[in-house]
Amino acid sequence: EPARLSFGVPSTNPNCGAITRLRSRIKVYRDGQLL
């Protein structure tokens, strides 16, 4: 099944404005390995 990631970004995060729906690619790494 497709994985799902949900999260919130506070306005204090330096890259809070970098995310664009359907365009941005989110990557989660665990110890340097793409998860």
PDB file of all heavy atoms in Angstrom:
ATOM      1  N   GLU A   1       0.861  -1.184   0.000  1.00  0.00           N
ATOM      2  CA  GLU A   1       0.000   0.000   0.000  1.00  0.00           C
ATOM      3  C   GLU A   1       0.892   1.227   0.000  1.00  0.00           C
ATOM      4  O   GLU A   1       1.984   1.198   0.568  1.00  0.00           O
ATOM      5  CB  GLU A   1      -0.909   0.034   1.235  1.00  0.00           C
ATOM      6  CG  GLU A   1      -1.962  -1.043   1.276  1.00  0.00           C
ATOM      7  CD  GLU A   1      -3.003  -0.905   0.165  1.00  0.00           C
ATOM      8  OE1 GLU A   1      -3.245   0.225  -0.298  1.00  0.00           O
ATOM      9  OE2 GLU A   1      -3.562  -1.925  -0.233  1.00  0.00           O
ATOM     10  N   PRO A   2       0.444   2.325  -0.600  1.00  0.00           N
ATOM     11  CA  PRO A   2       1.252   3.548  -0.530  1.00  0.00           C
ATOM     12  C   PRO A   2       1.411   4.002   0.921  1.00  0.00           C
ATOM     13  O   PRO A   2       0.459   3.969   1.699  1.00  0.00           O
ATOM     14  CB  PRO A   2       0.424   4.569  -1.322  1.00  0.00           C
ATOM     15  CG  PRO A   2      -0.449   3.740  -2.209  1.00  0.00           C
ATOM     16  CD  PRO A   2      -0.740   2.484  -1.432  1.00  0.00           C
ATOM     17  N   ALA A   3       2.619   4.375   1.274  1.00  0.00           N
ATOM     18  CA  ALA A   3       2.887   4.898   2.612  1.00  0.00           C
ATOM     19  C   ALA A   3       2.207   6.258   2.762  1.00  0.00           C
ATOM     20  O   ALA A   3       1.820   6.890   1.774  1.00  0.00           O
ATOM     21  CB  ALA A   3       4.389   5.025   2.828  1.00  0.00           C
ATOM     22  N   ARG A   4       2.076   6.699   4.008  1.00  0.00           N
ATOM     23  CA  ARG A   4       1.417   7.983   4.289  1.00  0.00           C
ATOM     24  C   ARG A   4       2.181   8.675   5.413  1.00  0.00           C
ATOM     25  O   ARG A   4       2.503   8.055   6.422  1.00  0.00           O
ATOM     26  CB  ARG A   4      -0.024   7.725   4.681  1.00  0.00           C
ATOM     27  CG  ARG A   4      -0.845   8.943   4.921  1.00  0.00           C
ATOM     28  CD  ARG A   4      -2.299   8.511   5.181  1.00  0.00           C
ATOM     29  NE  ARG A   4      -3.115   9.597   5.617  1.00  0.00           N
ATOM     30  CZ  ARG A   4      -3.812  10.386   4.829  1.00  0.00           C
ATOM     31  NH1 ARG A   4      -3.774  10.204   3.530  1.00  0.00           N
ATOM     32  NH2 ARG A   4      -4.544  11.363   5.298  1.00  0.00           N
ATOM     33  N   LEU A   5       2.448   9.947   5.216  1.00  0.00           N
ATOM     34  CA  LEU A   5       3.134  10.762   6.213  1.00  0.00           C
ATOM     35  C   LEU A   5       2.303  11.996   6.487  1.00  0.00           C
ATOM     36  O   LEU A   5       1.943  12.721   5.555  1.00  0.00           O
ATOM     37  CB  LEU A   5       4.525  11.179   5.703  1.00  0.00           C
ATOM     38  CG  LEU A   5       5.302  12.170   6.562  1.00  0.00           C
ATOM     39  CD1 LEU A   5       5.698  11.542   7.899  1.00  0.00           C
ATOM     40  CD2 LEU A   5       6.540  12.667   5.817  1.00  0.00           C
ATOM     41  N   SER A   6       1.974  12.221   7.753  1.00  0.00           N
ATOM     42  CA  SER A   6       1.289  13.461   8.129  1.00  0.00           C
ATOM     43  C   SER A   6       2.175  14.200   9.134  1.00  0.00           C
ATOM     44  O   SER A   6       2.868  13.570   9.940  1.00  0.00           O
ATOM     45  CB  SER A   6      -0.087  13.173   8.726  1.00  0.00           C
ATOM     46  OG  SER A   6       0.033  12.399   9.897  1.00  0.00           O
ATOM     47  N   PHE A   7       2.156  15.524   9.072  1.00  0.00           N
ATOM     48  CA  PHE A   7       3.003  16.317   9.962  1.00  0.00           C
ATOM     49  C   PHE A   7       2.555  17.769   9.958  1.00  0.00           C
ATOM     50  O   PHE A   7       1.880  18.231   9.039  1.00  0.00           O
ATOM     51  CB  PHE A   7       4.475  16.219   9.553  1.00  0.00           C
ATOM     52  CG  PHE A   7       4.766  16.677   8.141  1.00  0.00           C
ATOM     53  CD1 PHE A   7       5.215  17.968   7.899  1.00  0.00           C
ATOM     54  CD2 PHE A   7       4.600  15.819   7.061  1.00  0.00           C
ATOM     55  CE1 PHE A   7       5.489  18.391   6.600  1.00  0.00           C
ATOM     56  CE2 PHE A   7       4.869  16.232   5.768  1.00  0.00           C
ATOM     57  CZ  PHE A   7       5.315  17.520   5.536  1.00  0.00           C
ATOM     58  N   GLY A   8       2.950  18.473  10.990  1.00  0.00           N
ATOM     59  CA  GLY A   8       2.734  19.908  11.074  1.00  0.00           C
ATOM     60  C   GLY A   8       4.070  20.627  11.043  1.00  0.00           C
ATOM     61  O   GLY A   8       5.092  20.079  11.476  1.00  0.00           O
ATOM     62  N   VAL A   9       4.077  21.834  10.528  1.00  0.00           N
ATOM     63  CA  VAL A   9       5.296  22.640  10.455  1.00  0.00           C
ATOM     64  C   VAL A   9       5.026  23.974  11.142  1.00  0.00           C
ATOM     65  O   VAL A   9       4.173  24.741  10.681  1.00  0.00           O
ATOM     66  CB  VAL A   9       5.745  22.879   9.001  1.00  0.00           C
ATOM     67  CG1 VAL A   9       7.029  23.697   8.959  1.00  0.00           C
ATOM     68  CG2 VAL A   9       5.927  21.570   8.261  1.00  0.00           C
ATOM     69  N   PRO A  10       5.731  24.268  12.223  1.00  0.00           N
ATOM     70  CA  PRO A  10       5.519  25.553  12.886  1.00  0.00           C
ATOM     71  C   PRO A  10       6.101  26.692  12.049  1.00  0.00           C
ATOM     72  O   PRO A  10       7.010  26.486  11.242  1.00  0.00           O
ATOM     73  CB  PRO A  10       6.268  25.393  14.210  1.00  0.00           C
ATOM     74  CG  PRO A  10       7.333  24.390  13.930  1.00  0.00           C
ATOM     75  CD  PRO A  10       6.752  23.454  12.895  1.00  0.00           C
ATOM     76  N   SER A  11       5.592  27.874  12.254  1.00  0.00           N
ATOM     77  CA  SER A  11       6.075  29.028  11.486  1.00  0.00           C
ATOM     78  C   SER A  11       7.521  29.376  11.816  1.00  0.00           C
ATOM     79  O   SER A  11       8.160  30.114  11.072  1.00  0.00           O
ATOM     80  CB  SER A  11       5.171  30.237  11.741  1.00  0.00           C
ATOM     81  OG  SER A  11       5.154  30.545  13.114  1.00  0.00           O
ATOM     82  N   THR A  12       8.056  28.841  12.907  1.00  0.00           N
ATOM     83  CA  THR A  12       9.448  29.096  13.278  1.00  0.00           C
ATOM     84  C   THR A  12      10.445  28.231  12.513  1.00  0.00           C
ATOM     85  O   THR A  12      11.643  28.475  12.565  1.00  0.00           O
ATOM     86  CB  THR A  12       9.630  28.857  14.791  1.00  0.00           C
ATOM     87  OG1 THR A  12       9.212  27.523  15.095  1.00  0.00           O
ATOM     88  CG2 THR A  12       8.828  29.859  15.610  1.00  0.00           C
ATOM     89  N   ASN A  13       9.966  27.218  11.797  1.00  0.00           N
ATOM     90  CA  ASN A  13      10.845  26.370  11.003  1.00  0.00           C
ATOM     91  C   ASN A  13      11.337  27.196   9.809  1.00  0.00           C
ATOM     92  O   ASN A  13      10.530  27.764   9.067  1.00  0.00           O
ATOM     93  CB  ASN A  13      10.088  25.126  10.519  1.00  0.00           C
ATOM     94  CG  ASN A  13      10.977  24.132   9.809  1.00  0.00           C
ATOM     95  OD1 ASN A  13      11.743  24.476   8.924  1.00  0.00           O
ATOM     96  ND2 ASN A  13      10.860  22.869  10.190  1.00  0.00           N
ATOM     97  N   PRO A  14      12.654  27.305   9.600  1.00  0.00           N
ATOM     98  CA  PRO A  14      13.181  28.127   8.501  1.00  0.00           C
ATOM     99  C   PRO A  14      12.649  27.757   7.115  1.00  0.00           C
ATOM    100  O   PRO A  14      12.645  28.603   6.216  1.00  0.00           O
ATOM    101  CB  PRO A  14      14.691  27.902   8.578  1.00  0.00           C
ATOM    102  CG  PRO A  14      14.937  27.499   9.989  1.00  0.00           C
ATOM    103  CD  PRO A  14      13.718  26.727  10.408  1.00  0.00           C
ATOM    104  N   ASN A  15      12.205  26.529   6.912  1.00  0.00           N
ATOM    105  CA  ASN A  15      11.716  26.106   5.604  1.00  0.00           C
ATOM    106  C   ASN A  15      10.217  25.838   5.598  1.00  0.00           C
ATOM    107  O   ASN A  15       9.722  25.076   4.757  1.00  0.00           O
ATOM    108  CB  ASN A  15      12.482  24.859   5.137  1.00  0.00           C
ATOM    109  CG  ASN A  15      13.913  25.196   4.800  1.00  0.00           C
ATOM    110  OD1 ASN A  15      14.184  26.228   4.181  1.00  0.00           O
ATOM    111  ND2 ASN A  15      14.830  24.363   5.224  1.00  0.00           N
ATOM    112  N   CYS A  16       9.477  26.522   6.478  1.00  0.00           N
ATOM    113  CA  CYS A  16       8.031  26.278   6.558  1.00  0.00           C
ATOM    114  C   CYS A  16       7.304  26.669   5.272  1.00  0.00           C
ATOM    115  O   CYS A  16       6.264  26.121   4.961  1.00  0.00           O
ATOM    116  CB  CYS A  16       7.416  26.984   7.763  1.00  0.00           C
ATOM    117  SG  CYS A  16       7.362  28.767   7.631  1.00  0.00           S
ATOM    118  N   GLY A  17       7.847  27.555   4.481  1.00  0.00           N
ATOM    119  CA  GLY A  17       7.200  27.973   3.236  1.00  0.00           C
ATOM    120  C   GLY A  17       7.674  27.216   2.010  1.00  0.00           C
ATOM    121  O   GLY A  17       7.276  27.535   0.889  1.00  0.00           O
ATOM    122  N   ALA A  18       8.492  26.189   2.197  1.00  0.00           N
ATOM    123  CA  ALA A  18       9.081  25.482   1.057  1.00  0.00           C
ATOM    124  C   ALA A  18       8.176  24.405   0.475  1.00  0.00           C
ATOM    125  O   ALA A  18       8.458  23.880  -0.596  1.00  0.00           O
ATOM    126  CB  ALA A  18      10.408  24.845   1.479  1.00  0.00           C
ATOM    127  N   ILE A  19       7.081  24.091   1.146  1.00  0.00           N
ATOM    128  CA  ILE A  19       6.259  22.953   0.734  1.00  0.00           C
ATOM    129  C   ILE A  19       5.109  23.406  -0.162  1.00  0.00           C
ATOM    130  O   ILE A  19       4.341  24.293   0.210  1.00  0.00           O
ATOM    131  CB  ILE A  19       5.706  22.226   1.972  1.00  0.00           C
ATOM    132  CG1 ILE A  19       6.854  21.785   2.874  1.00  0.00           C
ATOM    133  CG2 ILE A  19       4.864  21.029   1.566  1.00  0.00           C
ATOM    134  CD1 ILE A  19       6.417  21.292   4.230  1.00  0.00           C
ATOM    135  N   THR A  20       4.983  22.771  -1.328  1.00  0.00           N
ATOM    136  CA  THR A  20       3.911  23.067  -2.274  1.00  0.00           C
ATOM    137  C   THR A  20       3.158  21.777  -2.580  1.00  0.00           C
ATOM    138  O   THR A  20       3.771  20.774  -2.968  1.00  0.00           O
ATOM    139  CB  THR A  20       4.488  23.640  -3.585  1.00  0.00           C
ATOM    140  OG1 THR A  20       5.273  24.782  -3.277  1.00  0.00           O
ATOM    141  CG2 THR A  20       3.382  24.031  -4.551  1.00  0.00           C
ATOM    142  N   ARG A  21       1.847  21.837  -2.410  1.00  0.00           N
ATOM    143  CA  ARG A  21       1.014  20.655  -2.652  1.00  0.00           C
ATOM    144  C   ARG A  21       1.173  20.160  -4.088  1.00  0.00           C
ATOM    145  O   ARG A  21       1.199  20.934  -5.030  1.00  0.00           O
ATOM    146  CB  ARG A  21      -0.450  20.970  -2.359  1.00  0.00           C
ATOM    147  CG  ARG A  21      -1.348  19.755  -2.421  1.00  0.00           C
ATOM    148  CD  ARG A  21      -2.713  19.997  -1.819  1.00  0.00           C
ATOM    149  NE  ARG A  21      -3.362  21.204  -2.255  1.00  0.00           N
ATOM    150  CZ  ARG A  21      -4.239  21.264  -3.255  1.00  0.00           C
ATOM    151  NH1 ARG A  21      -4.561  20.183  -3.902  1.00  0.00           N
ATOM    152  NH2 ARG A  21      -4.785  22.407  -3.583  1.00  0.00           N
ATOM    153  N   LEU A  22       1.298  18.867  -4.252  1.00  0.00           N
ATOM    154  CA  LEU A  22       1.447  18.126  -5.500  1.00  0.00           C
ATOM    155  C   LEU A  22       2.763  18.385  -6.239  1.00  0.00           C
ATOM    156  O   LEU A  22       3.045  17.726  -7.229  1.00  0.00           O
ATOM    157  CB  LEU A  22       0.271  18.369  -6.459  1.00  0.00           C
ATOM    158  CG  LEU A  22      -1.074  17.883  -5.956  1.00  0.00           C
ATOM    159  CD1 LEU A  22      -2.170  18.255  -6.952  1.00  0.00           C
ATOM    160  CD2 LEU A  22      -1.071  16.383  -5.725  1.00  0.00           C
ATOM    161  N   ARG A  23       3.562  19.308  -5.775  1.00  0.00           N
ATOM    162  CA  ARG A  23       4.833  19.582  -6.428  1.00  0.00           C
ATOM    163  C   ARG A  23       6.023  19.136  -5.581  1.00  0.00           C
ATOM    164  O   ARG A  23       7.000  18.620  -6.101  1.00  0.00           O
ATOM    165  CB  ARG A  23       4.957  21.070  -6.730  1.00  0.00           C
ATOM    166  CG  ARG A  23       5.502  21.293  -8.111  1.00  0.00           C
ATOM    167  CD  ARG A  23       5.644  22.729  -8.456  1.00  0.00           C
ATOM    168  NE  ARG A  23       4.384  23.224  -9.022  1.00  0.00           N
ATOM    169  CZ  ARG A  23       4.006  24.471  -8.979  1.00  0.00           C
ATOM    170  NH1 ARG A  23       4.750  25.374  -8.400  1.00  0.00           N
ATOM    171  NH2 ARG A  23       2.877  24.835  -9.520  1.00  0.00           N
ATOM    172  N   SER A  24       5.928  19.354  -4.286  1.00  0.00           N
ATOM    173  CA  SER A  24       7.046  19.036  -3.395  1.00  0.00           C
ATOM    174  C   SER A  24       7.187  17.540  -3.177  1.00  0.00           C
ATOM    175  O   SER A  24       6.196  16.829  -3.067  1.00  0.00           O
ATOM    176  CB  SER A  24       6.847  19.718  -2.040  1.00  0.00           C
ATOM    177  OG  SER A  24       6.883  21.116  -2.181  1.00  0.00           O
ATOM    178  N   ARG A  25       8.414  17.088  -3.100  1.00  0.00           N
ATOM    179  CA  ARG A  25       8.723  15.698  -2.782  1.00  0.00           C
ATOM    180  C   ARG A  25       9.291  15.662  -1.367  1.00  0.00           C
ATOM    181  O   ARG A  25      10.290  16.321  -1.067  1.00  0.00           O
ATOM    182  CB  ARG A  25       9.752  15.103  -3.755  1.00  0.00           C
ATOM    183  CG  ARG A  25       9.281  15.081  -5.197  1.00  0.00           C
ATOM    184  CD  ARG A  25       8.102  14.138  -5.377  1.00  0.00           C
ATOM    185  NE  ARG A  25       7.631  14.103  -6.740  1.00  0.00           N
ATOM    186  CZ  ARG A  25       6.464  14.606  -7.130  1.00  0.00           C
ATOM    187  NH1 ARG A  25       5.681  15.200  -6.273  1.00  0.00           N
ATOM    188  NH2 ARG A  25       6.077  14.526  -8.376  1.00  0.00           N
ATOM    189  N   ILE A  26       8.645  14.891  -0.516  1.00  0.00           N
ATOM    190  CA  ILE A  26       9.082  14.754   0.866  1.00  0.00           C
ATOM    191  C   ILE A  26       9.896  13.474   0.978  1.00  0.00           C
ATOM    192  O   ILE A  26       9.501  12.426   0.465  1.00  0.00           O
ATOM    193  CB  ILE A  26       7.871  14.694   1.832  1.00  0.00           C
ATOM    194  CG1 ILE A  26       6.978  15.926   1.655  1.00  0.00           C
ATOM    195  CG2 ILE A  26       8.342  14.544   3.269  1.00  0.00           C
ATOM    196  CD1 ILE A  26       7.629  17.250   1.995  1.00  0.00           C
ATOM    197  N   LYS A  27      11.035  13.563   1.647  1.00  0.00           N
ATOM    198  CA  LYS A  27      11.904  12.410   1.846  1.00  0.00           C
ATOM    199  C   LYS A  27      12.167  12.253   3.338  1.00  0.00           C
ATOM    200  O   LYS A  27      12.503  13.225   4.012  1.00  0.00           O
ATOM    201  CB  LYS A  27      13.227  12.602   1.116  1.00  0.00           C
ATOM    202  CG  LYS A  27      13.083  12.748  -0.375  1.00  0.00           C
ATOM    203  CD  LYS A  27      14.404  13.109  -1.019  1.00  0.00           C
ATOM    204  CE  LYS A  27      14.148  13.782  -2.344  1.00  0.00           C
ATOM    205  NZ  LYS A  27      15.091  14.821  -2.639  1.00  0.00           N
ATOM    206  N   VAL A  28      12.000  11.038   3.837  1.00  0.00           N
ATOM    207  CA  VAL A  28      12.315  10.723   5.224  1.00  0.00           C
ATOM    208  C   VAL A  28      13.483   9.747   5.207  1.00  0.00           C
ATOM    209  O   VAL A  28      13.424   8.715   4.533  1.00  0.00           O
ATOM    210  CB  VAL A  28      11.105  10.097   5.957  1.00  0.00           C
ATOM    211  CG1 VAL A  28      11.487   9.695   7.375  1.00  0.00           C
ATOM    212  CG2 VAL A  28       9.923  11.054   5.967  1.00  0.00           C
ATOM    213  N   TYR A  29      14.520  10.089   5.948  1.00  0.00           N
ATOM    214  CA  TYR A  29      15.698   9.235   6.050  1.00  0.00           C
ATOM    215  C   TYR A  29      15.826   8.721   7.479  1.00  0.00           C
ATOM    216  O   TYR A  29      15.538   9.443   8.438  1.00  0.00           O
ATOM    217  CB  TYR A  29      16.971  10.020   5.711  1.00  0.00           C
ATOM    218  CG  TYR A  29      17.056  10.441   4.273  1.00  0.00           C
ATOM    219  CD1 TYR A  29      16.555  11.666   3.865  1.00  0.00           C
ATOM    220  CD2 TYR A  29      17.656   9.615   3.326  1.00  0.00           C
ATOM    221  CE1 TYR A  29      16.639  12.067   2.532  1.00  0.00           C
ATOM    222  CE2 TYR A  29      17.752  10.004   1.998  1.00  0.00           C
ATOM    223  CZ  TYR A  29      17.234  11.235   1.617  1.00  0.00           C
ATOM    224  OH  TYR A  29      17.318  11.621   0.311  1.00  0.00           O
ATOM    225  N   ARG A  30      16.246   7.489   7.597  1.00  0.00           N
ATOM    226  CA  ARG A  30      16.560   6.906   8.898  1.00  0.00           C
ATOM    227  C   ARG A  30      18.016   6.469   8.841  1.00  0.00           C
ATOM    228  O   ARG A  30      18.369   5.594   8.043  1.00  0.00           O
ATOM    229  CB  ARG A  30      15.670   5.720   9.194  1.00  0.00           C
ATOM    230  CG  ARG A  30      15.940   5.096  10.542  1.00  0.00           C
ATOM    231  CD  ARG A  30      14.998   3.945  10.777  1.00  0.00           C
ATOM    232  NE  ARG A  30      15.169   3.463  12.121  1.00  0.00           N
ATOM    233  CZ  ARG A  30      14.511   2.429  12.584  1.00  0.00           C
ATOM    234  NH1 ARG A  30      13.645   1.790  11.825  1.00  0.00           N
ATOM    235  NH2 ARG A  30      14.715   2.026  13.801  1.00  0.00           N
ATOM    236  N   ASP A  31      18.848   7.104   9.630  1.00  0.00           N
ATOM    237  CA  ASP A  31      20.283   6.824   9.650  1.00  0.00           C
ATOM    238  C   ASP A  31      20.887   6.895   8.249  1.00  0.00           C
ATOM    239  O   ASP A  31      21.692   6.052   7.853  1.00  0.00           O
ATOM    240  CB  ASP A  31      20.563   5.460  10.293  1.00  0.00           C
ATOM    241  CG  ASP A  31      20.095   5.399  11.737  1.00  0.00           C
ATOM    242  OD1 ASP A  31      20.162   6.435  12.427  1.00  0.00           O
ATOM    243  OD2 ASP A  31      19.641   4.319  12.165  1.00  0.00           O
ATOM    244  N   GLY A  32      20.451   7.883   7.476  1.00  0.00           N
ATOM    245  CA  GLY A  32      20.996   8.107   6.142  1.00  0.00           C
ATOM    246  C   GLY A  32      20.372   7.274   5.032  1.00  0.00           C
ATOM    247  O   GLY A  32      20.673   7.483   3.866  1.00  0.00           O
ATOM    248  N   GLN A  33      19.500   6.331   5.361  1.00  0.00           N
ATOM    249  CA  GLN A  33      18.839   5.492   4.368  1.00  0.00           C
ATOM    250  C   GLN A  33      17.445   6.036   4.079  1.00  0.00           C
ATOM    251  O   GLN A  33      16.694   6.337   5.006  1.00  0.00           O
ATOM    252  CB  GLN A  33      18.711   4.053   4.881  1.00  0.00           C
ATOM    253  CG  GLN A  33      20.035   3.334   5.055  1.00  0.00           C
ATOM    254  CD  GLN A  33      20.635   2.973   3.727  1.00  0.00           C
ATOM    255  OE1 GLN A  33      21.471   3.702   3.205  1.00  0.00           O
ATOM    256  NE2 GLN A  33      20.237   1.863   3.169  1.00  0.00           N
ATOM    257  N   LEU A  34      17.094   6.136   2.807  1.00  0.00           N
ATOM    258  CA  LEU A  34      15.780   6.632   2.420  1.00  0.00           C
ATOM    259  C   LEU A  34      14.710   5.644   2.880  1.00  0.00           C
ATOM    260  O   LEU A  34      14.737   4.474   2.528  1.00  0.00           O
ATOM    261  CB  LEU A  34      15.701   6.825   0.902  1.00  0.00           C
ATOM    262  CG  LEU A  34      14.406   7.418   0.365  1.00  0.00           C
ATOM    263  CD1 LEU A  34      14.197   8.843   0.876  1.00  0.00           C
ATOM    264  CD2 LEU A  34      14.416   7.407  -1.156  1.00  0.00           C
ATOM    265  N   LEU A  35      13.759   6.131   3.677  1.00  0.00           N
ATOM    266  CA  LEU A  35      12.681   5.308   4.217  1.00  0.00           C
ATOM    267  C   LEU A  35      11.349   5.627   3.546  1.00  0.00           C
ATOM    268  O   LEU A  35      10.498   4.763   3.394  1.00  0.00           O
ATOM    269  CB  LEU A  35      12.576   5.551   5.730  1.00  0.00           C
ATOM    270  CG  LEU A  35      11.572   4.760   6.524  1.00  0.00           C
ATOM    271  CD1 LEU A  35      11.904   3.276   6.483  1.00  0.00           C
ATOM    272  CD2 LEU A  35      11.541   5.252   7.963  1.00  0.00           C
TER     273      LEU A  35
END
